[in-house]
Amino acid sequence: MSIDAWINDKISGFADKVESVVFYPVRHCSEGGIDFGYPEGFCSSGTEIVAPLILIWLVMASVYFTFYLGFVNVRFFKHSIDILRGKFDRKDEDGGQINRFQALATSLSGTVGLGNIAGVAIAVSIGGPGAVLWMIIMGFFGMSLKFAEVTFGVKYRHHPDPSDRSVVYGGPMYYLRDAFANRNIPFIGSVLAAVFALCCILGSIGGGNLFQANQAYQQVLNVTTGDLNVFLAGKAWLFGVVLAVLVGAVIIGGIKSIAKFTSKLVPIMGGIYMVAGLVVIGMHYDQIGSSLRDIVSMAFSMEAGIGGLLGVMLQGVKRAAFSNEAGLGSAAIVHAAAQTDKPVSQGFVGMLGPFIDTIVICTVTGLVIVITGAYKGGDGMAGVELTSNAFAEGISWFPYVLALTVFLFAFSTLITWSYYGQKAAAYLFGENKFVEFAYKLLFLVIVVVGCTMDLGKVVALSEAFLFIMGIPNVIGLYFLSRELKRDVKDYQYYLSDIKPSMVDK
């Protein structure tokens, strides 16, 4: 038995148990109503729809914060763009190591990835064109949830050296710990913070590293031919070493180096993908009207009954929630390093993440797949392959562009998740340079491992840990919701002093 097969075998049972708990299902059967868990023979006939309870947890939180904050994602959308453009920057703002745009770009580099390419294709092929609209709707509600966690990430960030406020440690582990401690229940906050930090480390190693490194290698292997392909097929470790060196060159310099790199990489890789998508859409301009009608009508179609409607809704909502990571708390870690003394203002910048990731990029993918009709013949086709087929309808050489894009997406995700795991490790083991440097070295070694091994169960287990992050994080956000509403109101008063027209009357 190979090493990776041995590892998969040893953790298989544990991984299955963790997955069964984290993705505990709510089942709907057209013939049997609704049930929870894994009932024997629950839906022996009829159509069964299975939704993970963690997905419902994230959806409910997104909807709650949108309504509770009075649709802050709509009222302050233009203001968030103005902030990002620097209209409200001040030279005397305290704390932070990176500017607002760099924080957003770094956050996006961790969320914009294979989910925007493969995940959307799978959602449309299973749920039909209507899944695109539900994806947009969930992205819209996810903006409010992202606003909440980013705001608290900045508000409760920690400066270990009071004399140097540019050194920052922040994220859900800090606002979970401190918010509960401030209300004289420190034990609960400490437990929730520790669970979040541990799961963040494990998630960064698996979904943020092993999976990304493996996919980067596979995509390069898929587009090479001849002797180069033969050479790479037997030298996965060498590819892993080169990739680790490239990642190390960025992350060793810390958040300033990461932010500087991602602020250039994200617009480039996003721009390449968007331009290619818009070109394909433009080449099928005569199909745009009918495709949009299909997306809207099939999103609410009762032709297949309530089960069919729920199935379409589930696919779109799942793709949006899994893509933009709203509620998982990861974005709060990097936004905490932004140079600002107004946490709410950075929250508005953070809420642009789901808009760009889901409402813009994922929607372009969905439109290309629907307009070209590629999803109709996608039975058994992998997500990336289906998307590649759709783009190839307009651009024959697009598979090469897609391979480059996937590599860049994977590379950027590696960089960002190294920072998330590093800050979580610092919270658990000590806020010092030794802990952070040790974690970076471990992360780079795992990059090589990810390229050379097929660790299916390890990656599946790590993805479960990623979604566990959403449980303590959302509990903390609910707990702090009244405080957040007051902060938004105070920020409105602040705006009224500097520019009365910005306050929503």
Protein backbone atom coordinates (compact mmCIF):
# COMPACT_ATOMS: atom_id res chain seq x y z
CA MET A 1 0.00 0.00 0.00
CA SER A 2 1.33 3.45 -0.96
CA ILE A 3 1.82 6.13 1.71
CA ASP A 4 -1.15 8.23 0.58
CA ALA A 5 -3.39 5.14 0.38
CA TRP A 6 -2.28 4.17 3.90
CA ILE A 7 -3.08 7.67 5.23
CA ASN A 8 -6.46 7.67 3.52
CA ASP A 9 -7.23 4.26 4.96
CA LYS A 10 -6.25 5.21 8.52
CA ILE A 11 -8.32 8.40 8.70
CA SER A 12 -11.22 7.20 6.54
CA GLY A 13 -13.48 6.21 9.44
CA PHE A 14 -12.79 9.39 11.40
CA ALA A 15 -13.24 11.58 8.30
CA ASP A 16 -16.60 9.96 7.53
CA LYS A 17 -17.81 10.57 11.09
CA VAL A 18 -16.75 14.24 11.09
CA GLU A 19 -18.34 14.80 7.67
CA SER A 20 -21.59 13.15 8.79
CA VAL A 21 -21.77 15.57 11.74
CA VAL A 22 -20.68 18.77 9.98
CA PHE A 23 -22.80 18.15 6.89
CA TYR A 24 -25.71 16.67 8.86
CA PRO A 25 -28.55 16.55 6.31
CA VAL A 26 -32.06 17.88 6.19
CA ARG A 27 -33.99 15.70 3.75
CA HIS A 28 -37.06 16.52 1.71
CA CYS A 29 -38.90 13.80 -0.15
CA SER A 30 -41.73 14.57 -2.56
CA GLU A 31 -43.52 11.50 -1.19
CA GLY A 32 -42.50 11.65 2.47
CA GLY A 33 -42.16 15.24 3.69
CA ILE A 34 -39.13 16.42 5.68
CA ASP A 35 -36.79 14.46 7.93
CA PHE A 36 -33.35 14.89 9.51
CA GLY A 37 -30.26 12.70 9.57
CA TYR A 38 -29.90 9.38 7.79
CA PRO A 39 -33.25 7.56 8.09
CA GLU A 40 -33.44 4.12 6.50
CA GLY A 41 -35.73 4.02 3.48
CA PHE A 42 -36.98 7.56 4.07
CA CYS A 43 -37.50 8.27 0.38
CA SER A 44 -38.03 4.90 -1.28
CA SER A 45 -40.06 6.62 -3.99
CA GLY A 46 -40.26 10.19 -5.24
CA THR A 47 -37.62 12.91 -5.49
CA GLU A 48 -35.26 13.47 -2.56
CA ILE A 49 -33.50 16.78 -1.87
CA VAL A 50 -30.69 16.80 0.70
CA ALA A 51 -29.43 20.07 2.24
CA PRO A 52 -26.57 20.12 4.77
CA LEU A 53 -27.64 21.72 8.04
CA ILE A 54 -24.50 23.90 8.00
CA LEU A 55 -25.71 25.43 4.72
CA ILE A 56 -29.07 26.29 6.29
CA TRP A 57 -27.15 27.76 9.26
CA LEU A 58 -25.19 30.10 6.95
CA VAL A 59 -28.24 31.03 4.86
CA MET A 60 -30.28 31.94 7.95
CA ALA A 61 -27.45 34.11 9.29
CA SER A 62 -27.08 35.91 5.94
CA VAL A 63 -30.80 36.65 5.71
CA TYR A 64 -30.99 37.67 9.39
CA PHE A 65 -28.18 40.24 9.21
CA THR A 66 -29.53 41.66 5.95
CA PHE A 67 -32.93 42.39 7.47
CA TYR A 68 -31.65 43.24 10.96
CA LEU A 69 -29.27 45.87 9.60
CA GLY A 70 -31.90 47.32 7.27
CA PHE A 71 -30.37 46.07 4.00
CA VAL A 72 -27.01 47.63 4.75
CA ASN A 73 -25.69 45.95 1.58
CA VAL A 74 -27.99 48.15 -0.52
CA ARG A 75 -27.98 51.40 1.46
CA PHE A 76 -24.21 51.61 1.67
CA PHE A 77 -23.20 49.91 -1.57
CA LYS A 78 -22.17 53.13 -3.33
CA HIS A 79 -20.47 54.31 -0.14
CA SER A 80 -18.43 51.08 0.00
CA ILE A 81 -17.11 51.76 -3.49
CA ASP A 82 -16.26 55.34 -2.50
CA ILE A 83 -14.32 54.03 0.51
CA LEU A 84 -12.43 51.56 -1.68
CA ARG A 85 -11.54 54.38 -4.07
CA GLY A 86 -9.96 56.29 -1.18
CA LYS A 87 -12.48 59.11 -0.87
CA PHE A 88 -12.60 58.73 2.90
CA ASP A 89 -8.95 57.92 3.58
CA ARG A 90 -7.16 59.98 6.22
CA LYS A 91 -3.43 60.21 6.86
CA ASP A 92 -3.90 60.03 10.63
CA GLU A 93 -5.77 56.69 10.68
CA ASP A 94 -4.41 54.37 13.35
CA GLY A 95 -3.16 50.79 13.12
CA GLY A 96 -2.93 48.30 10.29
CA GLN A 97 -0.28 47.21 7.82
CA ILE A 98 -2.04 47.25 4.43
CA ASN A 99 -4.48 49.55 2.64
CA ARG A 100 -8.16 48.83 2.09
CA PHE A 101 -7.81 47.61 -1.49
CA GLN A 102 -4.98 45.24 -0.56
CA ALA A 103 -7.13 43.77 2.22
CA LEU A 104 -10.01 43.17 -0.18
CA ALA A 105 -7.72 41.75 -2.89
CA THR A 106 -6.07 39.37 -0.42
CA SER A 107 -9.47 38.23 0.85
CA LEU A 108 -10.67 37.66 -2.72
CA SER A 109 -7.55 35.70 -3.58
CA GLY A 110 -8.65 33.17 -0.96
CA THR A 111 -12.25 32.88 -2.21
CA VAL A 112 -11.97 33.29 -5.97
CA GLY A 113 -10.95 29.83 -7.08
CA LEU A 114 -12.15 26.55 -8.50
CA GLY A 115 -15.60 27.12 -7.03
CA ASN A 116 -16.09 29.95 -9.49
CA ILE A 117 -15.18 27.66 -12.39
CA ALA A 118 -16.02 24.06 -11.54
CA GLY A 119 -18.57 24.62 -8.78
CA VAL A 120 -20.85 26.83 -10.86
CA ALA A 121 -20.75 24.35 -13.74
CA ILE A 122 -21.84 21.54 -11.42
CA ALA A 123 -24.62 23.69 -9.94
CA VAL A 124 -26.04 24.55 -13.37
CA SER A 125 -25.69 21.02 -14.75
CA ILE A 126 -27.62 19.61 -11.76
CA GLY A 127 -30.03 22.43 -10.96
CA GLY A 128 -30.47 23.92 -14.41
CA PRO A 129 -30.27 27.61 -15.43
CA GLY A 130 -32.42 28.68 -12.47
CA ALA A 131 -29.54 27.88 -10.11
CA VAL A 132 -27.74 30.99 -11.41
CA LEU A 133 -30.42 33.33 -10.02
CA TRP A 134 -30.41 31.65 -6.61
CA MET A 135 -26.64 31.93 -6.61
CA ILE A 136 -26.96 35.69 -7.16
CA ILE A 137 -29.62 35.99 -4.43
CA MET A 138 -27.44 34.16 -1.91
CA GLY A 139 -24.44 36.30 -2.88
CA PHE A 140 -26.59 39.38 -2.19
CA PHE A 141 -27.54 38.22 1.33
CA GLY A 142 -23.99 37.00 1.99
CA MET A 143 -22.74 40.59 1.63
CA SER A 144 -24.40 41.54 4.95
CA LEU A 145 -22.88 38.59 6.79
CA LYS A 146 -19.44 39.40 5.40
CA PHE A 147 -19.91 43.02 6.51
CA ALA A 148 -20.60 41.88 10.07
CA GLU A 149 -17.55 39.63 10.45
CA VAL A 150 -15.13 42.06 8.80
CA THR A 151 -16.34 44.93 11.00
CA PHE A 152 -15.68 42.95 14.16
CA GLY A 153 -12.39 41.64 12.78
CA VAL A 154 -11.13 45.23 12.73
CA LYS A 155 -12.88 46.39 15.91
CA TYR A 156 -11.46 43.62 18.11
CA ARG A 157 -8.04 43.28 16.51
CA HIS A 158 -5.10 42.96 18.87
CA HIS A 159 -1.82 44.93 18.99
CA PRO A 160 0.70 42.91 21.05
CA ASP A 161 3.14 45.84 21.06
CA PRO A 162 1.36 49.10 22.03
CA SER A 163 4.33 51.10 20.75
CA ASP A 164 3.98 49.60 17.24
CA ARG A 165 0.32 49.52 16.25
CA SER A 166 1.15 48.42 12.71
CA VAL A 167 1.64 44.86 14.03
CA VAL A 168 -1.84 43.37 14.06
CA TYR A 169 -3.49 40.11 15.08
CA GLY A 170 -7.17 39.83 14.30
CA GLY A 171 -10.02 37.61 13.25
CA PRO A 172 -12.96 35.75 14.78
CA MET A 173 -10.80 34.15 17.48
CA TYR A 174 -10.18 37.62 18.95
CA TYR A 175 -13.72 38.98 18.81
CA LEU A 176 -15.08 35.68 20.11
CA ARG A 177 -12.65 35.75 23.03
CA ASP A 178 -12.91 39.43 23.92
CA ALA A 179 -16.62 40.02 23.32
CA PHE A 180 -17.64 37.21 25.69
CA ALA A 181 -14.95 38.22 28.20
CA ASN A 182 -16.28 41.79 28.22
CA ARG A 183 -19.65 40.38 29.24
CA ASN A 184 -18.20 38.27 32.07
CA ILE A 185 -18.54 34.90 30.33
CA PRO A 186 -14.92 34.36 29.23
CA PHE A 187 -15.05 30.56 29.24
CA ILE A 188 -17.58 30.39 26.39
CA GLY A 189 -15.62 32.88 24.31
CA SER A 190 -12.33 31.08 24.92
CA VAL A 191 -13.79 27.73 23.84
CA LEU A 192 -15.41 29.16 20.69
CA ALA A 193 -12.21 31.03 19.79
CA ALA A 194 -10.03 27.94 20.28
CA VAL A 195 -12.37 25.79 18.17
CA PHE A 196 -12.32 28.39 15.41
CA ALA A 197 -8.51 28.74 15.45
CA LEU A 198 -7.89 24.98 15.44
CA CYS A 199 -10.31 24.39 12.57
CA CYS A 200 -8.76 27.31 10.66
CA ILE A 201 -5.31 25.69 10.92
CA LEU A 202 -6.59 22.28 9.81
CA GLY A 203 -8.65 23.83 7.01
CA SER A 204 -5.71 25.86 5.75
CA ILE A 205 -3.55 22.75 5.57
CA GLY A 206 -6.13 20.72 3.66
CA GLY A 207 -8.55 22.76 1.54
CA GLY A 208 -6.25 25.79 1.50
CA ASN A 209 -3.07 23.86 0.67
CA LEU A 210 -3.17 20.14 -0.20
CA PHE A 211 -6.15 20.48 -2.55
CA GLN A 212 -4.92 23.69 -4.19
CA ALA A 213 -1.39 22.38 -4.76
CA ASN A 214 -2.74 19.15 -6.22
CA GLN A 215 -5.11 21.00 -8.57
CA ALA A 216 -2.36 23.36 -9.73
CA TYR A 217 -0.18 20.37 -10.63
CA GLN A 218 -3.01 18.51 -12.36
CA GLN A 219 -3.98 21.52 -14.50
CA VAL A 220 -0.41 22.07 -15.67
CA LEU A 221 -0.12 18.33 -16.41
CA ASN A 222 -3.39 18.40 -18.40
CA VAL A 223 -2.27 21.09 -20.85
CA THR A 224 1.27 19.85 -21.46
CA THR A 225 2.06 17.36 -24.20
CA GLY A 226 4.91 15.20 -25.43
CA ASP A 227 8.15 14.83 -23.49
CA LEU A 228 7.25 17.67 -21.10
CA ASN A 229 4.09 15.85 -20.09
CA VAL A 230 6.00 12.60 -19.53
CA PHE A 231 8.62 14.46 -17.50
CA LEU A 232 6.06 16.21 -15.29
CA ALA A 233 4.02 13.04 -14.79
CA GLY A 234 6.97 11.46 -13.05
CA LYS A 235 8.18 14.57 -11.26
CA ALA A 236 5.26 15.78 -9.16
CA TRP A 237 7.65 16.37 -6.28
CA LEU A 238 9.77 18.68 -8.46
CA PHE A 239 6.69 20.69 -9.44
CA GLY A 240 5.81 20.84 -5.75
CA VAL A 241 9.27 22.16 -4.84
CA VAL A 242 9.05 24.89 -7.52
CA LEU A 243 5.54 25.82 -6.38
CA ALA A 244 6.66 25.90 -2.74
CA VAL A 245 9.55 28.21 -3.66
CA LEU A 246 7.15 30.55 -5.48
CA VAL A 247 4.69 30.55 -2.57
CA GLY A 248 7.54 30.99 -0.07
CA ALA A 249 8.89 33.97 -1.96
CA VAL A 250 5.57 35.71 -1.30
CA ILE A 251 4.57 34.57 2.19
CA ILE A 252 7.95 34.79 3.96
CA GLY A 253 7.68 38.58 3.77
CA GLY A 254 4.45 38.58 5.79
CA ILE A 255 1.13 40.31 5.15
CA LYS A 256 2.69 43.34 3.44
CA SER A 257 4.36 41.08 0.88
CA ILE A 258 1.20 38.96 0.47
CA ALA A 259 -1.03 42.01 0.05
CA LYS A 260 1.33 43.67 -2.41
CA PHE A 261 1.39 40.53 -4.55
CA THR A 262 -2.33 39.71 -4.41
CA SER A 263 -3.34 43.31 -5.13
CA LYS A 264 -1.64 42.86 -8.50
CA LEU A 265 -2.49 39.19 -9.11
CA VAL A 266 -6.23 39.29 -8.33
CA PRO A 267 -7.11 42.01 -10.89
CA ILE A 268 -5.02 40.25 -13.53
CA MET A 269 -6.44 36.75 -13.05
CA GLY A 270 -9.96 38.07 -12.54
CA GLY A 271 -9.61 40.30 -15.59
CA ILE A 272 -8.40 37.46 -17.82
CA TYR A 273 -11.33 35.30 -16.80
CA MET A 274 -13.93 38.06 -17.07
CA VAL A 275 -12.75 39.23 -20.50
CA ALA A 276 -12.83 35.67 -21.85
CA GLY A 277 -16.32 35.17 -20.42
CA LEU A 278 -17.69 38.44 -21.81
CA VAL A 279 -16.21 37.66 -25.23
CA VAL A 280 -18.06 34.33 -25.32
CA ILE A 281 -21.27 35.98 -24.13
CA GLY A 282 -20.86 38.67 -26.80
CA MET A 283 -20.36 36.04 -29.51
CA HIS A 284 -23.71 34.54 -28.51
CA TYR A 285 -25.46 37.90 -28.09
CA ASP A 286 -28.59 36.62 -29.86
CA GLN A 287 -29.05 34.07 -27.05
CA ILE A 288 -28.72 36.53 -24.15
CA GLY A 289 -32.41 37.44 -23.92
CA SER A 290 -33.71 33.87 -24.02
CA SER A 291 -31.03 32.69 -21.58
CA LEU A 292 -31.93 35.38 -19.04
CA ARG A 293 -35.61 34.43 -19.37
CA ASP A 294 -34.70 30.77 -18.76
CA ILE A 295 -32.64 31.69 -15.68
CA VAL A 296 -35.49 33.70 -14.11
CA SER A 297 -38.39 31.43 -15.09
CA MET A 298 -36.63 28.18 -14.15
CA ALA A 299 -35.52 29.60 -10.80
CA PHE A 300 -39.18 29.63 -9.70
CA SER A 301 -40.55 26.86 -11.88
CA MET A 302 -43.02 24.49 -10.21
CA GLU A 303 -43.04 22.20 -13.24
CA ALA A 304 -41.28 19.48 -11.23
CA GLY A 305 -43.21 20.32 -8.04
CA ILE A 306 -41.88 21.66 -4.76
CA GLY A 307 -39.02 19.16 -4.86
CA GLY A 308 -37.85 20.52 -8.21
CA LEU A 309 -38.01 24.11 -6.93
CA LEU A 310 -36.05 23.22 -3.80
CA GLY A 311 -33.48 21.35 -5.88
CA VAL A 312 -32.77 24.36 -8.08
CA MET A 313 -32.67 26.67 -5.05
CA LEU A 314 -30.31 24.34 -3.19
CA GLN A 315 -27.76 24.17 -5.99
CA GLY A 316 -27.54 27.93 -6.41
CA VAL A 317 -27.48 28.72 -2.69
CA LYS A 318 -24.90 26.01 -2.00
CA ARG A 319 -22.54 27.27 -4.70
CA ALA A 320 -22.75 30.87 -3.47
CA ALA A 321 -22.25 29.99 0.20
CA PHE A 322 -19.36 27.63 -0.51
CA SER A 323 -17.73 30.10 -2.90
CA ASN A 324 -17.69 33.43 -1.03
CA GLU A 325 -17.14 31.96 2.48
CA ALA A 326 -19.50 34.48 4.08
CA GLY A 327 -19.99 33.39 7.68
CA LEU A 328 -16.85 31.28 7.93
CA GLY A 329 -14.88 34.24 9.30
CA SER A 330 -11.79 33.82 7.15
CA ALA A 331 -12.00 37.28 5.54
CA ALA A 332 -12.04 38.96 8.97
CA ILE A 333 -8.47 37.74 9.56
CA VAL A 334 -6.95 39.66 6.67
CA HIS A 335 -9.24 42.70 6.82
CA ALA A 336 -8.11 43.14 10.44
CA ALA A 337 -4.74 44.26 9.03
CA ALA A 338 -6.27 47.17 7.11
CA GLN A 339 -5.15 50.72 7.90
CA THR A 340 -8.26 52.27 9.42
CA ASP A 341 -9.65 53.36 12.75
CA LYS A 342 -13.26 53.02 11.56
CA PRO A 343 -14.15 49.29 11.72
CA VAL A 344 -17.55 49.80 10.07
CA SER A 345 -15.94 51.46 7.05
CA GLN A 346 -13.75 48.40 6.47
CA GLY A 347 -16.83 46.23 6.90
CA PHE A 348 -18.33 48.02 3.91
CA VAL A 349 -15.19 47.23 1.90
CA GLY A 350 -15.38 43.60 3.01
CA MET A 351 -18.99 43.22 1.87
CA LEU A 352 -17.84 43.85 -1.72
CA GLY A 353 -16.16 40.42 -1.57
CA PRO A 354 -19.33 38.32 -2.11
CA PHE A 355 -20.49 40.84 -4.72
CA ILE A 356 -17.32 40.41 -6.81
CA ASP A 357 -16.82 36.70 -6.12
CA THR A 358 -20.40 35.49 -6.52
CA ILE A 359 -22.61 38.12 -8.14
CA VAL A 360 -20.01 39.06 -10.77
CA ILE A 361 -17.54 36.22 -11.41
CA CYS A 362 -19.78 33.24 -10.66
CA THR A 363 -22.61 34.83 -12.66
CA VAL A 364 -20.37 35.26 -15.72
CA THR A 365 -19.48 31.55 -15.49
CA GLY A 366 -23.15 30.63 -15.18
CA LEU A 367 -24.17 32.83 -18.11
CA VAL A 368 -21.50 31.34 -20.36
CA ILE A 369 -22.65 27.81 -19.51
CA VAL A 370 -26.34 28.64 -20.04
CA ILE A 371 -25.92 30.75 -23.19
CA THR A 372 -23.73 28.16 -24.93
CA GLY A 373 -26.00 25.31 -23.80
CA ALA A 374 -22.97 23.32 -22.63
CA TYR A 375 -24.80 22.15 -19.49
CA LYS A 376 -27.30 20.17 -21.60
CA GLY A 377 -24.64 17.69 -22.69
CA GLY A 378 -22.64 17.71 -19.48
CA ASP A 379 -23.71 14.34 -18.08
CA GLY A 380 -20.82 12.85 -16.13
CA MET A 381 -18.54 15.71 -17.11
CA ALA A 382 -16.31 17.21 -14.42
CA GLY A 383 -16.93 20.81 -13.45
CA VAL A 384 -13.76 22.30 -14.95
CA GLU A 385 -14.20 20.26 -18.11
CA LEU A 386 -17.80 21.46 -18.50
CA THR A 387 -16.77 25.10 -18.09
CA SER A 388 -13.91 24.57 -20.54
CA ASN A 389 -16.35 23.13 -23.08
CA ALA A 390 -18.66 26.11 -22.66
CA PHE A 391 -15.87 28.64 -23.26
CA ALA A 392 -14.50 26.60 -26.17
CA GLU A 393 -17.82 27.22 -27.94
CA GLY A 394 -16.57 30.73 -28.60
CA ILE A 395 -12.80 30.46 -28.13
CA SER A 396 -11.23 27.21 -29.30
CA TRP A 397 -7.98 27.80 -27.40
CA PHE A 398 -9.70 28.73 -24.14
CA PRO A 399 -8.74 25.48 -22.34
CA TYR A 400 -5.20 26.88 -22.17
CA VAL A 401 -6.46 30.16 -20.72
CA LEU A 402 -8.58 28.18 -18.26
CA ALA A 403 -5.56 26.11 -17.19
CA LEU A 404 -3.60 29.31 -16.54
CA THR A 405 -6.54 30.79 -14.63
CA VAL A 406 -7.00 27.68 -12.49
CA PHE A 407 -3.28 27.68 -11.68
CA LEU A 408 -3.40 31.36 -10.68
CA PHE A 409 -6.56 30.81 -8.62
CA ALA A 410 -4.95 27.88 -6.81
CA PHE A 411 -1.70 29.80 -6.30
CA SER A 412 -3.49 32.84 -4.85
CA THR A 413 -5.57 30.63 -2.54
CA LEU A 414 -2.38 28.99 -1.24
CA ILE A 415 -0.91 32.38 -0.40
CA THR A 416 -3.96 33.71 1.42
CA TRP A 417 -4.73 30.57 3.40
CA SER A 418 -1.13 30.41 4.57
CA TYR A 419 -1.78 33.75 6.27
CA TYR A 420 -5.09 32.58 7.79
CA GLY A 421 -3.48 29.46 9.24
CA GLN A 422 -0.46 31.44 10.43
CA LYS A 423 -2.62 33.89 12.42
CA ALA A 424 -4.69 31.05 13.89
CA ALA A 425 -1.50 29.28 14.96
CA ALA A 426 -0.22 32.50 16.55
CA TYR A 427 -3.45 32.76 18.56
CA LEU A 428 -3.11 29.22 19.90
CA PHE A 429 0.67 28.94 20.34
CA GLY A 430 1.93 32.48 20.83
CA GLU A 431 1.94 35.80 19.02
CA ASN A 432 5.58 35.80 18.02
CA LYS A 433 7.71 35.56 14.91
CA PHE A 434 9.02 32.07 15.72
CA VAL A 435 5.52 30.51 15.69
CA GLU A 436 4.64 32.27 12.45
CA PHE A 437 7.91 31.31 10.74
CA ALA A 438 7.56 27.67 11.86
CA TYR A 439 4.03 27.56 10.46
CA LYS A 440 5.19 29.01 7.13
CA LEU A 441 7.86 26.31 6.79
CA LEU A 442 5.34 23.58 7.61
CA PHE A 443 2.93 25.04 5.07
CA LEU A 444 5.59 25.00 2.32
CA VAL A 445 6.49 21.37 3.04
CA ILE A 446 2.81 20.47 2.74
CA VAL A 447 2.69 22.18 -0.69
CA VAL A 448 5.17 19.55 -1.94
CA VAL A 449 3.16 16.77 -0.28
CA GLY A 450 -0.04 18.03 -1.91
CA CYS A 451 1.45 17.75 -5.40
CA THR A 452 2.78 14.24 -4.93
CA MET A 453 -0.04 12.51 -3.06
CA ASP A 454 -3.70 11.72 -3.56
CA LEU A 455 -5.11 12.50 -0.13
CA GLY A 456 -8.83 12.40 -0.88
CA LYS A 457 -9.99 11.79 2.68
CA VAL A 458 -7.55 14.29 4.15
CA VAL A 459 -8.90 17.03 1.90
CA ALA A 460 -12.50 16.01 2.57
CA LEU A 461 -11.82 16.12 6.31
CA SER A 462 -10.16 19.53 6.08
CA GLU A 463 -13.14 20.95 4.16
CA ALA A 464 -15.36 19.79 7.01
CA PHE A 465 -13.11 21.72 9.41
CA LEU A 466 -13.50 24.82 7.22
CA PHE A 467 -17.25 24.74 7.68
CA ILE A 468 -16.97 24.07 11.42
CA MET A 469 -15.44 27.57 11.51
CA GLY A 470 -18.87 28.90 10.60
CA ILE A 471 -20.48 27.54 13.77
CA PRO A 472 -18.56 29.48 16.48
CA ASN A 473 -18.18 32.48 14.18
CA VAL A 474 -21.92 32.89 13.52
CA ILE A 475 -22.73 32.28 17.20
CA GLY A 476 -20.43 35.19 18.03
CA LEU A 477 -21.97 37.40 15.34
CA TYR A 478 -25.49 36.77 16.66
CA PHE A 479 -24.23 37.55 20.15
CA LEU A 480 -22.73 40.85 18.94
CA SER A 481 -25.55 41.86 16.58
CA ARG A 482 -26.99 44.61 18.79
CA GLU A 483 -23.52 46.08 19.18
CA LEU A 484 -23.10 46.02 15.41
CA LYS A 485 -26.38 47.85 14.88
CA ARG A 486 -25.25 50.59 17.27
CA ASP A 487 -21.90 50.83 15.48
CA VAL A 488 -23.64 51.31 12.13
CA LYS A 489 -25.79 54.08 13.61
CA ASP A 490 -22.74 55.77 15.14
CA TYR A 491 -21.00 55.57 11.77
CA GLN A 492 -23.97 57.29 10.16
CA TYR A 493 -23.62 60.14 12.66
CA TYR A 494 -19.92 60.30 11.80
CA LEU A 495 -20.79 60.56 8.10
CA SER A 496 -23.37 63.27 8.78
CA ASP A 497 -20.61 65.39 10.31
CA ILE A 498 -18.28 65.09 7.32
CA LYS A 499 -20.79 64.72 4.50
CA PRO A 500 -24.52 64.90 5.37
CA SER A 501 -25.62 63.62 1.97
CA MET A 502 -24.07 60.21 2.72
CA VAL A 503 -26.52 59.48 5.55
CA ASP A 504 -29.53 57.43 4.56
CA LYS A 505 -32.61 59.45 5.56
